[in-house]
Amino acid sequence: MKSLDLGCGENKVPNSIGLDNVQLPGVDVEHDLLNFPYPFENESIDKIYLRHVIEHFTIENINLILNECNRLLRKDALLIITVPHVFSISAFIDPTHRSYFTFGSGQFWDKNSSKAYYKEFQMNWKLIKTVCRVNWFDWKSYQLKKLNNCFSYFIEKRINKAINSLNNPSKADRIVKNSSFQLVEIEWNYKK
């Protein structure tokens, strides 16, 4: 199985090909994400990761990147996107962030969603799962990290349950908005 980690930085997914625009440890291919096409054959990749990458681009460029991912992925392959939630502190720490997301934002690229406005682009995606991970506090000491892990675990369970609430689709976003979390990470899993 061939996987590609786009914008990997120094934290490449193990056993994947790391692509980034600067030569850092772990980067296998130096290439700018806005320089199309990427140096891979059509339908040659089984899984693509975009981990904390798309928030650095405008919606127009995000669509172009996702379109290129569509070209690279085989049929039934996976695209995994992670971004910080708009209401978590981490969404605004990095001044290079240009786009902000809620749990429901992933539906805009799901071909079966009524919110799929970008049909002229890569609308072959099917959103198969939305999950969140939480890091409530940014504590450094060992004991406080253990406490943070406990708090984060329970709130993460609550938010993930709320994500799947059909009667109250924005409940998970309101939970995040009403608290002060260091990082709430959204993960969308798409199938081509």
Protein backbone atom coordinates (compact mmCIF):
# COMPACT_ATOMS: atom_id res chain seq x y z
CA MET A 1 0.00 0.00 0.00
CA LYS A 2 1.48 3.31 -1.11
CA SER A 3 0.68 6.34 1.03
CA LEU A 4 1.60 9.99 0.59
CA ASP A 5 1.91 12.58 3.36
CA LEU A 6 1.46 16.02 1.77
CA GLY A 7 3.00 18.92 3.70
CA CYS A 8 4.56 16.44 6.12
CA GLY A 9 7.20 18.74 7.61
CA GLU A 10 9.39 16.88 10.10
CA ASN A 11 6.50 14.71 11.29
CA LYS A 12 5.91 12.32 8.41
CA VAL A 13 3.42 9.45 8.76
CA PRO A 14 5.52 6.27 9.12
CA ASN A 15 5.94 4.21 5.92
CA SER A 16 4.62 7.01 3.72
CA ILE A 17 6.24 9.24 1.11
CA GLY A 18 6.71 12.68 2.61
CA LEU A 19 6.24 15.68 0.34
CA ASP A 20 6.89 19.27 1.43
CA ASN A 21 8.14 22.50 -0.11
CA VAL A 22 11.32 22.53 2.02
CA GLN A 23 13.93 19.82 2.54
CA LEU A 24 13.47 18.83 6.18
CA PRO A 25 14.28 15.55 7.93
CA GLY A 26 11.68 13.04 6.75
CA VAL A 27 10.83 14.87 3.52
CA ASP A 28 11.31 12.50 0.58
CA VAL A 29 10.09 14.78 -2.22
CA GLU A 30 10.63 18.54 -2.23
CA HIS A 31 7.69 20.05 -4.10
CA ASP A 32 5.33 23.00 -3.59
CA LEU A 33 1.69 21.97 -3.08
CA LEU A 34 0.52 24.69 -5.48
CA ASN A 35 2.80 23.48 -8.28
CA PHE A 36 0.62 21.10 -10.30
CA PRO A 37 0.90 18.29 -11.18
CA TYR A 38 2.71 16.57 -8.32
CA PRO A 39 5.49 14.19 -9.43
CA PHE A 40 3.40 11.00 -9.21
CA GLU A 41 1.43 9.00 -11.77
CA ASN A 42 -2.36 9.12 -12.05
CA GLU A 43 -4.15 6.75 -9.66
CA SER A 44 -0.88 5.50 -8.15
CA ILE A 45 -1.56 6.21 -4.44
CA ASP A 46 -3.67 4.23 -1.94
CA LYS A 47 -3.87 6.83 0.86
CA ILE A 48 -3.13 10.54 1.13
CA TYR A 49 -2.69 12.46 4.37
CA LEU A 50 -3.19 16.23 4.60
CA ARG A 51 -2.41 16.79 8.28
CA HIS A 52 -2.68 20.40 9.41
CA VAL A 53 -2.07 21.63 5.88
CA ILE A 54 -5.23 22.95 4.21
CA GLU A 55 -5.85 25.64 6.85
CA HIS A 56 -2.78 27.41 5.40
CA PHE A 57 -4.55 27.94 2.04
CA THR A 58 -7.52 29.84 0.65
CA ILE A 59 -10.61 27.87 -0.35
CA GLU A 60 -9.69 28.20 -4.04
CA ASN A 61 -6.27 26.65 -3.44
CA ILE A 62 -7.72 23.98 -1.15
CA ASN A 63 -9.99 22.91 -4.00
CA LEU A 64 -7.02 22.73 -6.39
CA ILE A 65 -5.04 20.61 -3.91
CA LEU A 66 -7.99 18.26 -3.38
CA ASN A 67 -8.43 17.99 -7.13
CA GLU A 68 -4.79 16.92 -7.43
CA CYS A 69 -5.33 14.38 -4.65
CA ASN A 70 -8.24 13.01 -6.65
CA ARG A 71 -5.94 12.55 -9.66
CA LEU A 72 -3.36 10.66 -7.61
CA LEU A 73 -5.64 8.33 -5.65
CA ARG A 74 -6.79 4.93 -6.89
CA LYS A 75 -10.48 4.06 -6.87
CA ASP A 76 -11.72 3.38 -3.30
CA ALA A 77 -8.53 4.95 -1.86
CA LEU A 78 -8.58 7.16 1.25
CA LEU A 79 -7.96 10.85 1.79
CA ILE A 80 -7.41 11.79 5.44
CA ILE A 81 -7.54 15.48 6.33
CA THR A 82 -6.88 16.96 9.77
CA VAL A 83 -7.36 20.60 10.76
CA PRO A 84 -7.72 22.55 14.00
CA HIS A 85 -11.29 23.41 14.98
CA VAL A 86 -12.04 27.11 14.57
CA PHE A 87 -12.93 27.51 18.26
CA SER A 88 -9.78 25.90 19.64
CA ILE A 89 -6.86 28.13 20.63
CA SER A 90 -4.51 26.40 18.16
CA ALA A 91 -6.54 27.60 15.19
CA PHE A 92 -5.30 31.14 15.82
CA ILE A 93 -1.80 30.56 17.22
CA ASP A 94 -0.29 30.23 13.74
CA PRO A 95 -0.59 33.54 11.84
CA THR A 96 -0.24 31.71 8.50
CA HIS A 97 -3.69 30.08 8.84
CA ARG A 98 -6.03 31.37 6.16
CA SER A 99 -9.06 29.06 6.49
CA TYR A 100 -11.05 27.90 9.52
CA PHE A 101 -13.27 24.87 9.96
CA THR A 102 -16.00 23.29 12.07
CA PHE A 103 -16.91 19.61 12.19
CA GLY A 104 -19.51 20.10 9.45
CA SER A 105 -17.10 21.83 7.05
CA GLY A 106 -16.03 18.46 5.66
CA GLN A 107 -19.46 18.01 4.08
CA PHE A 108 -18.67 20.70 1.52
CA TRP A 109 -16.43 18.22 -0.33
CA ASP A 110 -18.75 15.20 0.05
CA LYS A 111 -20.37 14.43 -3.31
CA ASN A 112 -23.53 13.19 -1.54
CA SER A 113 -24.01 16.25 0.66
CA SER A 114 -26.45 19.05 -0.08
CA LYS A 115 -23.60 21.38 0.95
CA ALA A 116 -21.32 20.15 -1.86
CA TYR A 117 -20.86 23.48 -3.63
CA TYR A 118 -17.61 22.58 -5.36
CA LYS A 119 -18.91 20.17 -7.97
CA GLU A 120 -16.71 21.68 -10.68
CA PHE A 121 -13.70 20.39 -8.74
CA GLN A 122 -12.97 16.96 -7.30
CA MET A 123 -16.45 15.94 -6.29
CA ASN A 124 -15.63 12.22 -6.24
CA TRP A 125 -15.23 12.23 -2.46
CA LYS A 126 -17.49 10.43 -0.04
CA LEU A 127 -17.11 11.54 3.58
CA ILE A 128 -17.05 8.29 5.54
CA LYS A 129 -16.05 9.49 9.00
CA THR A 130 -15.58 12.65 11.07
CA VAL A 131 -13.80 12.40 14.41
CA CYS A 132 -12.07 14.72 16.84
CA ARG A 133 -9.09 14.57 19.14
CA VAL A 134 -8.68 16.91 22.09
CA ASN A 135 -5.72 18.34 23.95
CA TRP A 136 -7.46 20.43 26.58
CA PHE A 137 -4.45 22.09 28.20
CA ASP A 138 -0.89 22.74 27.09
CA TRP A 139 0.69 21.56 30.32
CA LYS A 140 4.34 20.50 30.33
CA SER A 141 4.92 18.72 33.66
CA TYR A 142 4.47 14.94 33.78
CA GLN A 143 1.71 14.92 36.44
CA LEU A 144 -0.26 17.68 34.77
CA LYS A 145 0.04 15.93 31.38
CA LYS A 146 -1.56 12.84 32.95
CA LEU A 147 -4.40 14.99 34.27
CA ASN A 148 -4.77 16.65 30.86
CA ASN A 149 -4.98 13.22 29.17
CA CYS A 150 -7.79 12.24 31.54
CA PHE A 151 -9.78 15.45 30.97
CA SER A 152 -9.15 15.32 27.23
CA TYR A 153 -10.28 11.69 26.97
CA PHE A 154 -13.69 12.36 28.53
CA ILE A 155 -14.44 15.54 26.58
CA GLU A 156 -13.25 13.88 23.37
CA LYS A 157 -15.74 11.04 23.93
CA ARG A 158 -18.52 13.58 24.51
CA ILE A 159 -17.66 15.58 21.38
CA ASN A 160 -17.35 12.48 19.17
CA LYS A 161 -20.78 11.34 20.36
CA ALA A 162 -22.19 14.80 19.56
CA ILE A 163 -20.64 14.75 16.05
CA ASN A 164 -22.92 11.83 15.21
CA SER A 165 -26.05 13.45 16.66
CA LEU A 166 -28.52 13.60 13.77
CA ASN A 167 -31.07 15.67 15.69
CA ASN A 168 -28.56 18.31 16.78
CA PRO A 169 -25.80 18.55 14.13
CA SER A 170 -24.07 21.63 15.58
CA LYS A 171 -23.93 20.34 19.18
CA ALA A 172 -20.26 19.29 18.90
CA ASP A 173 -19.26 22.75 17.63
CA ARG A 174 -21.11 24.41 20.53
CA ILE A 175 -19.30 22.21 23.05
CA VAL A 176 -15.97 23.39 21.65
CA LYS A 177 -17.08 27.03 21.46
CA ASN A 178 -18.23 27.08 25.08
CA SER A 179 -14.91 25.84 26.44
CA SER A 180 -11.29 26.88 26.16
CA PHE A 181 -9.42 23.98 24.57
CA GLN A 182 -5.80 24.21 23.45
CA LEU A 183 -6.40 21.97 20.44
CA VAL A 184 -9.47 20.31 19.05
CA GLU A 185 -8.38 18.47 15.95
CA ILE A 186 -10.93 17.56 13.31
CA GLU A 187 -10.24 14.52 11.14
CA TRP A 188 -12.23 13.83 7.99
CA ASN A 189 -11.88 10.51 6.18
CA TYR A 190 -12.94 10.50 2.54
CA LYS A 191 -13.18 7.63 0.11
CA LYS A 192 -12.65 8.24 -3.59
